[in-house]
Protein backbone atom coordinates (compact mmCIF):
# COMPACT_ATOMS: atom_id res chain seq x y z
CA UNK A 1 -93.13 160.36 77.87
CA UNK A 2 -95.98 157.93 78.51
CA UNK A 3 -95.14 155.09 80.92
CA UNK A 4 -97.24 152.06 81.88
CA UNK A 5 -98.97 151.25 85.15
CA UNK A 6 -98.94 147.73 86.61
CA UNK A 7 -102.37 146.36 87.51
CA UNK A 8 -103.93 143.02 88.42
CA UNK A 9 -107.15 141.15 87.68
CA UNK A 10 -108.40 138.11 89.61
CA UNK A 11 -109.06 135.02 87.50
CA UNK A 12 -110.56 131.59 88.29
CA UNK A 13 -108.25 128.67 88.95
CA UNK A 14 -105.86 128.12 91.82
CA UNK A 15 -102.49 129.75 91.98
CA UNK A 16 -99.44 127.91 93.21
CA UNK A 17 -98.77 128.05 96.93
CA UNK A 18 -98.48 131.44 98.65
CA UNK A 19 -94.73 131.54 98.09
CA UNK A 20 -95.39 131.95 94.35
CA UNK A 21 -94.52 135.35 92.82
CA UNK A 22 -97.84 137.07 93.62
CA UNK A 23 -99.08 134.78 96.38
CA UNK A 24 -102.57 134.39 94.93
CA UNK A 25 -103.49 131.49 97.22
CA UNK A 26 -105.99 128.75 96.36
CA UNK A 27 -109.10 130.89 95.70
CA UNK A 28 -107.90 132.02 92.30
CA UNK A 29 -104.90 133.57 90.63
CA UNK A 30 -103.94 137.10 89.76
CA UNK A 31 -102.99 138.08 86.23
CA UNK A 32 -100.85 141.17 85.91
CA UNK A 33 -101.30 143.64 83.09
CA UNK A 34 -99.52 146.79 82.02
CA UNK A 35 -101.70 149.66 80.89
CA UNK A 36 -100.56 152.48 78.63
CA UNK A 37 -102.70 155.56 78.04
CA UNK A 38 -101.49 158.71 76.36
CA UNK A 39 -104.93 159.86 75.23
CA UNK A 40 -105.60 162.13 78.21
CA UNK A 41 -108.81 160.20 78.89
CA UNK A 42 -108.47 157.50 81.58
CA UNK A 43 -111.83 156.08 80.46
CA UNK A 44 -111.05 156.07 76.75
CA UNK A 45 -113.53 153.63 75.11
CA UNK A 46 -111.05 152.17 72.61
CA UNK A 47 -108.85 149.40 74.03
CA UNK A 48 -106.04 147.52 72.28
CA UNK A 49 -104.92 144.30 73.99
CA UNK A 50 -101.39 143.09 73.15
CA UNK A 51 -100.50 139.53 74.20
CA UNK A 52 -97.01 138.05 74.12
CA UNK A 53 -95.50 134.73 73.07
CA UNK A 54 -94.92 131.51 75.00
CA UNK A 55 -91.95 132.45 77.20
CA UNK A 56 -92.25 136.22 77.04
CA UNK A 57 -94.18 138.88 79.03
CA UNK A 58 -96.16 142.07 78.56
CA UNK A 59 -93.24 144.49 78.48
CA UNK A 60 -92.31 143.06 75.07
CA UNK A 61 -94.76 145.61 73.64
CA UNK A 62 -93.29 148.76 75.19
CA UNK A 63 -92.32 150.37 71.89
CA UNK A 64 -95.55 149.47 70.12
CA UNK A 65 -97.73 150.31 73.13
CA UNK A 66 -96.16 153.73 73.59
CA UNK A 67 -97.04 154.56 69.98
CA UNK A 68 -100.54 153.10 70.05
CA UNK A 69 -101.37 154.71 73.38
CA UNK A 70 -101.71 158.03 71.61
CA UNK A 71 -104.95 156.66 70.15
CA UNK A 72 -106.33 154.25 72.76
CA UNK A 73 -105.84 152.51 76.07
CA UNK A 74 -103.28 149.76 75.45
CA UNK A 75 -103.31 146.75 77.79
CA UNK A 76 -100.42 144.27 77.80
CA UNK A 77 -101.02 141.31 80.14
CA UNK A 78 -98.45 138.95 81.59
CA UNK A 79 -100.11 135.62 80.81
CA UNK A 80 -100.44 133.33 83.84
CA UNK A 81 -97.11 131.81 84.87
CA UNK A 82 -95.13 134.69 83.37
CA UNK A 83 -93.89 138.09 84.41
CA UNK A 84 -95.69 139.49 87.45
CA UNK A 85 -98.64 137.10 87.21
CA UNK A 86 -99.22 134.18 89.55
CA UNK A 87 -97.91 130.74 88.72
CA UNK A 88 -100.67 128.13 88.49
CA UNK A 89 -101.12 125.28 90.93
CA UNK A 90 -101.87 122.75 88.19
CA UNK A 91 -99.35 122.76 85.31
CA UNK A 92 -101.99 121.17 83.08
CA UNK A 93 -103.77 124.54 83.12
CA UNK A 94 -101.00 126.15 81.07
CA UNK A 95 -103.11 125.83 77.93
CA UNK A 96 -104.72 128.27 75.48
CA UNK A 97 -108.32 127.63 76.67
CA UNK A 98 -107.35 128.63 80.21
CA UNK A 99 -105.48 131.69 78.97
CA UNK A 100 -108.52 132.68 76.91
CA UNK A 101 -110.68 132.43 80.03
CA UNK A 102 -108.27 134.72 81.86
CA UNK A 103 -108.50 137.22 79.00
CA UNK A 104 -112.29 137.16 79.23
CA UNK A 105 -111.94 138.04 82.91
CA UNK A 106 -109.56 140.85 81.99
CA UNK A 107 -111.89 142.27 79.32
CA UNK A 108 -114.87 142.28 81.67
CA UNK A 109 -112.69 143.89 84.33
CA UNK A 110 -111.70 146.66 81.92
CA UNK A 111 -115.31 147.05 80.76
CA UNK A 112 -116.45 147.48 84.38
CA UNK A 113 -113.84 150.20 84.88
CA UNK A 114 -114.92 152.12 81.78
CA UNK A 115 -117.27 150.81 79.07
CA UNK A 116 -115.49 149.49 75.98
CA UNK A 117 -116.85 150.57 72.61
CA UNK A 118 -113.96 149.45 70.37
CA UNK A 119 -111.66 146.47 70.98
CA UNK A 120 -108.60 145.41 68.99
CA UNK A 121 -106.17 142.53 69.58
CA UNK A 122 -102.45 142.17 68.80
CA UNK A 123 -101.09 138.70 69.48
CA UNK A 124 -97.55 137.43 69.00
CA UNK A 125 -97.29 133.65 68.58
CA UNK A 126 -99.14 132.24 71.63
CA UNK A 127 -100.87 135.60 72.03
CA UNK A 128 -102.23 135.18 68.52
CA UNK A 129 -103.55 131.70 69.33
CA UNK A 130 -105.37 133.19 72.33
CA UNK A 131 -106.77 135.87 70.03
CA UNK A 132 -108.04 133.22 67.60
CA UNK A 133 -109.69 131.38 70.49
CA UNK A 134 -111.55 134.53 71.49
CA UNK A 135 -112.44 135.74 67.99
CA UNK A 136 -113.28 132.32 66.53
CA UNK A 137 -116.04 131.45 69.02
CA UNK A 138 -118.97 133.80 68.31
CA UNK A 139 -120.87 132.69 71.43
CA UNK A 140 -118.18 133.84 73.86
CA UNK A 141 -119.46 136.67 76.10
CA UNK A 142 -117.03 139.38 75.03
CA UNK A 143 -117.97 142.88 76.22
CA UNK A 144 -117.72 143.98 72.56
CA UNK A 145 -116.57 142.04 69.50
CA UNK A 146 -112.94 142.32 68.45
CA UNK A 147 -112.86 144.81 65.59
CA UNK A 148 -109.33 144.20 64.32
CA UNK A 149 -107.03 141.26 64.93
CA UNK A 150 -103.26 141.21 64.37
CA UNK A 151 -101.68 137.74 64.26
CA UNK A 152 -97.93 138.13 64.60
CA UNK A 153 -96.14 135.14 63.04
CA UNK A 154 -98.78 132.63 63.98
CA UNK A 155 -101.67 130.91 62.25
CA UNK A 156 -103.94 127.88 62.32
CA UNK A 157 -101.14 125.51 61.28
CA UNK A 158 -97.97 125.27 63.37
CA UNK A 159 -94.97 123.49 61.90
CA UNK A 160 -93.94 120.39 63.87
CA UNK A 161 -90.21 121.02 63.49
CA UNK A 162 -90.61 124.50 64.96
CA UNK A 163 -92.58 123.13 67.90
CA UNK A 164 -89.78 120.64 68.50
CA UNK A 165 -87.23 123.46 68.42
CA UNK A 166 -89.18 125.48 70.96
CA UNK A 167 -89.59 122.43 73.17
CA UNK A 168 -85.82 122.04 73.38
CA UNK A 169 -85.37 125.22 75.44
CA UNK A 170 -88.68 126.14 77.06
CA UNK A 171 -89.01 125.23 80.72
CA UNK A 172 -85.37 124.53 81.40
CA UNK A 173 -84.34 125.84 84.81
CA UNK A 174 -81.31 127.97 84.07
CA UNK A 175 -79.30 130.07 86.50
CA UNK A 176 -77.31 132.86 84.90
CA UNK A 177 -74.23 134.16 86.65
CA UNK A 178 -75.07 137.75 85.73
CA UNK A 179 -77.65 139.80 83.91
CA UNK A 180 -75.17 140.35 81.08
CA UNK A 181 -74.78 136.60 80.63
CA UNK A 182 -78.54 136.16 80.59
CA UNK A 183 -79.02 138.89 77.99
CA UNK A 184 -76.46 137.23 75.72
CA UNK A 185 -78.06 133.80 76.17
CA UNK A 186 -81.46 135.22 75.29
CA UNK A 187 -79.97 136.81 72.20
CA UNK A 188 -78.76 133.40 70.99
CA UNK A 189 -82.09 131.67 71.69
CA UNK A 190 -84.03 134.49 70.05
CA UNK A 191 -81.99 134.86 66.88
CA UNK A 192 -85.19 134.63 64.86
CA UNK A 193 -86.32 137.98 66.23
CA UNK A 194 -84.07 139.63 63.66
CA UNK A 195 -81.50 142.43 64.07
CA UNK A 196 -81.72 144.80 67.04
CA UNK A 197 -79.42 147.43 68.46
CA UNK A 198 -77.79 146.63 71.83
CA UNK A 199 -80.13 149.13 73.48
CA UNK A 200 -83.21 147.53 71.92
CA UNK A 201 -82.10 144.06 72.95
CA UNK A 202 -81.40 145.15 76.51
CA UNK A 203 -84.88 146.67 76.75
CA UNK A 204 -86.42 143.43 75.48
CA UNK A 205 -84.34 141.29 77.84
CA UNK A 206 -84.36 143.08 81.20
CA UNK A 207 -88.05 142.35 81.98
CA UNK A 208 -87.32 138.67 81.33
CA UNK A 209 -84.96 138.40 84.31
CA UNK A 210 -85.47 137.92 88.03
CA UNK A 211 -82.51 138.58 90.36
CA UNK A 212 -81.32 136.03 92.90
CA UNK A 213 -79.82 136.84 96.27
CA UNK A 214 -76.27 136.09 95.18
CA UNK A 215 -76.28 138.44 92.21
CA UNK A 216 -77.19 135.76 89.69
CA UNK A 217 -80.56 135.71 87.92
CA UNK A 218 -83.17 133.41 86.41
CA UNK A 219 -85.90 133.76 83.83
CA UNK A 220 -89.24 135.21 84.86
CA UNK A 221 -91.57 132.30 84.07
CA UNK A 222 -92.73 129.08 85.69
CA UNK A 223 -90.77 126.17 84.14
CA UNK A 224 -93.99 124.13 84.26
CA UNK A 225 -95.32 126.00 81.21
CA UNK A 226 -93.28 123.43 79.24
CA UNK A 227 -95.40 120.45 80.34
CA UNK A 228 -97.74 120.77 77.36
CA UNK A 229 -94.75 120.44 75.03
CA UNK A 230 -93.56 117.28 76.74
CA UNK A 231 -96.80 115.49 75.87
CA UNK A 232 -97.02 116.84 72.33
CA UNK A 233 -96.92 114.39 69.42
CA UNK A 234 -97.32 114.93 65.66
CA UNK A 235 -100.82 113.44 65.89
CA UNK A 236 -101.84 115.79 68.70
CA UNK A 237 -100.36 118.72 66.79
CA UNK A 238 -102.35 117.84 63.65
CA UNK A 239 -105.58 117.60 65.65
CA UNK A 240 -104.83 121.00 67.19
CA UNK A 241 -104.32 122.46 63.71
CA UNK A 242 -107.75 121.20 62.63
CA UNK A 243 -109.34 122.94 65.63
CA UNK A 244 -107.41 126.13 64.94
CA UNK A 245 -108.61 126.21 61.33
CA UNK A 246 -112.18 125.85 62.59
CA UNK A 247 -111.62 128.84 64.86
CA UNK A 248 -109.94 130.84 62.11
CA UNK A 249 -112.79 130.26 59.68
CA UNK A 250 -115.23 131.75 62.20
CA UNK A 251 -113.28 134.96 62.75
CA UNK A 252 -115.17 138.06 61.69
CA UNK A 253 -112.63 140.65 62.83
CA UNK A 254 -110.65 142.44 60.14
CA UNK A 255 -107.37 140.48 60.28
CA UNK A 256 -103.73 141.27 59.57
CA UNK A 257 -101.10 138.52 59.52
CA UNK A 258 -97.48 139.53 60.10
CA UNK A 259 -94.75 137.08 59.13
CA UNK A 260 -91.01 136.91 59.38
CA UNK A 261 -89.85 135.68 55.97
CA UNK A 262 -87.53 133.17 57.68
CA UNK A 263 -90.13 131.91 60.14
CA UNK A 264 -90.12 128.15 60.77
CA UNK A 265 -93.43 128.23 62.68
CA UNK A 266 -95.64 129.99 60.13
CA UNK A 267 -94.87 128.91 56.58
CA UNK A 268 -95.84 130.62 53.31
CA UNK A 269 -98.44 128.00 52.38
CA UNK A 270 -100.32 128.61 55.63
CA UNK A 271 -100.24 132.36 55.11
CA UNK A 272 -101.57 131.99 51.57
CA UNK A 273 -104.47 129.92 52.87
CA UNK A 274 -105.17 132.50 55.59
CA UNK A 275 -105.48 135.16 52.89
CA UNK A 276 -108.06 133.09 51.02
CA UNK A 277 -110.36 131.72 53.74
CA UNK A 278 -112.01 132.81 56.99
CA UNK A 279 -111.43 136.55 57.45
CA UNK A 280 -109.22 136.60 54.33
CA UNK A 281 -106.36 138.26 56.13
CA UNK A 282 -104.13 140.92 54.77
CA UNK A 283 -100.49 139.73 54.94
CA UNK A 284 -97.31 141.70 55.57
CA UNK A 285 -93.94 139.93 55.51
CA UNK A 286 -90.52 141.17 56.61
CA UNK A 287 -87.23 139.96 55.18
CA UNK A 288 -84.35 139.05 57.49
CA UNK A 289 -86.68 138.09 60.34
CA UNK A 290 -87.81 134.68 61.57
CA UNK A 291 -90.06 133.79 64.47
CA UNK A 292 -91.17 136.29 65.55
CA UNK A 293 -91.03 140.00 64.63
CA UNK A 294 -90.70 141.99 67.86
CA UNK A 295 -92.67 145.03 66.66
CA UNK A 296 -89.85 147.26 67.83
CA UNK A 297 -88.51 148.49 64.48
CA UNK A 298 -90.27 151.66 63.37
CA UNK A 299 -91.38 150.09 60.10
CA UNK A 300 -93.06 147.23 61.94
CA UNK A 301 -94.75 149.61 64.37
CA UNK A 302 -95.94 151.76 61.46
CA UNK A 303 -97.69 148.78 59.85
CA UNK A 304 -99.60 147.90 63.03
CA UNK A 305 -100.54 151.51 63.78
CA UNK A 306 -101.76 152.05 60.22
CA UNK A 307 -103.82 148.86 60.27
CA UNK A 308 -105.48 149.69 63.59
CA UNK A 309 -106.03 153.40 63.14
CA UNK A 310 -105.24 154.50 59.61
CA UNK A 311 -107.89 153.03 57.27
CA UNK A 312 -111.58 152.19 57.34
CA UNK A 313 -112.08 148.46 57.93
CA UNK A 314 -113.64 147.85 54.52
CA UNK A 315 -110.46 149.07 52.83
CA UNK A 316 -108.28 146.32 54.26
CA UNK A 317 -110.57 143.43 55.19
CA UNK A 318 -110.11 141.50 51.96
CA UNK A 319 -106.68 142.56 50.71
CA UNK A 320 -104.57 139.52 49.86
CA UNK A 321 -100.84 138.84 50.19
CA UNK A 322 -99.09 142.17 50.65
CA UNK A 323 -95.37 142.25 51.44
CA UNK A 324 -93.35 144.94 53.15
């Protein structure tokens, strides 16, 4: 069975002090990424980048990546401040433009290892915003253009009430008495992910935890990632939406939008607009799921695999509003 390797890329911008998780020092920070490759070719020219949500990390994509790695190299970064990546010295840098810069460094790093000929992007929530930032600015020096873009329960308009909900829990320093207690707490917070078996939920939760010396544990990320939420206002959120729509309208990648039917972050009206403007995304919606689908269920994985590898781009580029 294919398993991932843990790798690092150096990015601009100071890390927190040397006692931070990876000790990147002041000359830059290291971003960790997990690479999956079941193709038999370590220099396979097709790369799929999968980027996680706000408080998550790259191992969220294990099930999807294992499937996709039969076709391509699959790279799942831990965005700065999460997982095995360095924490940043300046909390103000926990913003999408900085993350997009880190992803540019990652893509050029991968391209230097083995030339990229085909590049696809799968982004859940924040990972989708980063994808829009990269795909919606044609002048960015990408090694190759993104061919196909998957936006998982995210779009150019983010509902204010959902942002408030997220702001209520992100960044809180919580100490869990045991891993079992942490897994259960994460289940409650992440109810929108939809139904999962106990085994699936454990696999999604274990990479989120960091053990403490006394047997307790904490979450894997820097609490300072919440600072951007503390300064957020409805006016700032509306201005951000306007910028996101500008980015979206410049996307040329064939685009698929995935939505949980109960999502409070990505509403139906936004999805309908996404199907009619910019890249005119194809839309797939799942019942009984909110924010955000985990891409663990076989049906969800099938949709992504089919979109990336199953049809010529012209067959799906302008298909409107499909439900599954």
